[in-house]
Amino acid sequence: MITQDNPVGTGYSFVEDEKLFVKTDDEAATDLTTLLIKLFNRDENLQKSPLYIVAESYGGKFAVTLGLSAFKAIEDKKLKLTLGGENLLIKCTIFSFRSQISLNLISIYGY
């Protein structure tokens, strides 16, 4: 199991150069995909284990962005791993009733 504070600047993670802080989810996904490339590409045992992306709260939204970034890196032969599972499970706590309905439909129907 790998846990990661993401994006840099949250939790215990930090940067010495403030220009390295990301401003978008896509930038954060690129950073985390780079970490996955460095971890998985050098370890054949990890490459044999499927990667399951699990998230909660805002991470539920970000998990999709990371999954797409990792999938693209796999297709481009930059990342040597297999994404685990055929479905995406996201646990979200959202205070907007409209958003909650939308996310439940995504979970149930895959839209």
Protein backbone atom coordinates (compact mmCIF):
# COMPACT_ATOMS: atom_id res chain seq x y z
CA MET A 1 0.00 0.00 0.00
CA ILE A 2 1.28 3.42 -0.97
CA THR A 3 -0.20 6.56 0.52
CA GLN A 4 0.67 9.94 -0.92
CA ASP A 5 0.04 13.51 0.20
CA ASN A 6 -1.03 15.19 -2.97
CA PRO A 7 -0.68 17.82 -4.30
CA VAL A 8 2.67 18.93 -2.94
CA GLY A 9 2.08 21.33 -0.07
CA THR A 10 -0.67 19.30 1.59
CA GLY A 11 -0.13 17.08 4.61
CA TYR A 12 3.56 16.60 5.28
CA SER A 13 4.73 17.20 1.71
CA PHE A 14 6.64 20.35 0.81
CA VAL A 15 8.77 22.03 -1.81
CA GLU A 16 11.71 24.34 -1.36
CA ASP A 17 10.82 26.36 -4.48
CA GLU A 18 7.27 27.77 -4.38
CA LYS A 19 7.16 27.78 -8.19
CA LEU A 20 6.81 23.98 -7.98
CA PHE A 21 3.36 24.17 -6.38
CA VAL A 22 0.74 22.93 -8.83
CA LYS A 23 -2.26 25.02 -9.78
CA THR A 24 -4.51 22.42 -11.43
CA ASP A 25 -5.57 18.82 -10.91
CA ASP A 26 -3.93 17.92 -14.22
CA GLU A 27 -0.57 19.22 -12.96
CA ALA A 28 -1.02 17.28 -9.71
CA ALA A 29 -1.88 14.12 -11.68
CA THR A 30 1.23 14.58 -13.82
CA ASP A 31 3.36 14.85 -10.66
CA LEU A 32 1.81 11.72 -9.15
CA THR A 33 2.10 9.81 -12.45
CA THR A 34 5.80 10.72 -12.50
CA LEU A 35 6.10 9.18 -9.02
CA LEU A 36 4.33 6.01 -10.24
CA ILE A 37 6.69 5.80 -13.22
CA LYS A 38 9.74 6.05 -10.94
CA LEU A 39 8.38 3.45 -8.49
CA PHE A 40 6.91 0.86 -10.86
CA ASN A 41 9.32 0.99 -13.79
CA ARG A 42 12.30 -0.03 -11.68
CA ASP A 43 10.61 -2.87 -9.74
CA GLU A 44 9.39 -5.94 -11.63
CA ASN A 45 7.52 -7.23 -8.57
CA LEU A 46 5.45 -4.05 -8.43
CA GLN A 47 4.79 -4.30 -12.16
CA LYS A 48 3.14 -7.70 -11.56
CA SER A 49 0.75 -6.22 -8.99
CA PRO A 50 -2.27 -4.27 -10.26
CA LEU A 51 -2.63 -0.68 -9.10
CA TYR A 52 -5.92 0.20 -7.42
CA ILE A 53 -6.58 3.90 -6.96
CA VAL A 54 -8.67 4.58 -3.86
CA ALA A 55 -9.66 8.03 -2.68
CA GLU A 56 -12.05 9.87 -0.43
CA SER A 57 -13.47 13.36 -0.17
CA TYR A 58 -11.93 15.65 -2.83
CA GLY A 59 -9.61 12.79 -3.70
CA GLY A 60 -12.66 11.08 -5.19
CA LYS A 61 -12.70 13.71 -7.91
CA PHE A 62 -8.93 13.62 -8.27
CA ALA A 63 -8.80 9.80 -8.54
CA VAL A 64 -10.42 10.01 -11.96
CA THR A 65 -7.84 12.58 -13.13
CA LEU A 66 -5.00 10.42 -11.83
CA GLY A 67 -6.49 7.29 -13.39
CA LEU A 68 -6.67 8.97 -16.79
CA SER A 69 -3.11 10.27 -16.47
CA ALA A 70 -1.79 6.84 -15.46
CA PHE A 71 -3.78 5.14 -18.24
CA LYS A 72 -2.30 7.50 -20.84
CA ALA A 73 1.23 6.85 -19.51
CA ILE A 74 0.58 3.09 -19.74
CA GLU A 75 -0.69 3.41 -23.32
CA ASP A 76 2.34 5.54 -24.24
CA LYS A 77 4.63 2.81 -22.78
CA LYS A 78 6.00 5.25 -20.20
CA LEU A 79 4.50 3.44 -17.19
CA LYS A 80 4.90 -0.32 -16.70
CA LEU A 81 1.90 -1.42 -14.67
CA THR A 82 -1.65 -2.65 -14.89
CA LEU A 83 -4.55 -0.71 -13.43
CA GLY A 84 -6.56 -2.98 -11.14
CA GLY A 85 -10.26 -3.60 -11.32
CA GLU A 86 -12.87 -2.95 -13.92
CA ASN A 87 -14.80 -0.42 -11.86
CA LEU A 88 -13.84 2.70 -9.97
CA LEU A 89 -14.97 2.99 -6.37
CA ILE A 90 -15.00 6.48 -4.96
CA LYS A 91 -16.09 7.52 -1.48
CA CYS A 92 -17.09 11.16 -1.57
CA THR A 93 -18.45 13.46 1.07
CA ILE A 94 -20.14 16.31 -0.72
CA PHE A 95 -22.46 18.90 0.74
CA SER A 96 -24.28 19.76 -2.48
CA PHE A 97 -27.36 17.59 -2.93
CA ARG A 98 -27.25 18.06 -6.72
CA SER A 99 -23.59 16.97 -6.86
CA GLN A 100 -24.30 13.97 -4.64
CA ILE A 101 -27.04 12.76 -6.98
CA SER A 102 -24.72 13.22 -9.96
CA LEU A 103 -21.92 11.21 -8.31
CA ASN A 104 -24.31 8.44 -7.30
CA LEU A 105 -25.43 8.12 -10.92
CA ILE A 106 -21.80 7.88 -12.01
CA SER A 107 -21.17 5.15 -9.44
CA ILE A 108 -24.27 3.18 -10.40
CA TYR A 109 -24.38 3.60 -14.16
CA GLY A 110 -20.83 4.55 -15.06
CA TYR A 111 -21.81 7.83 -16.77
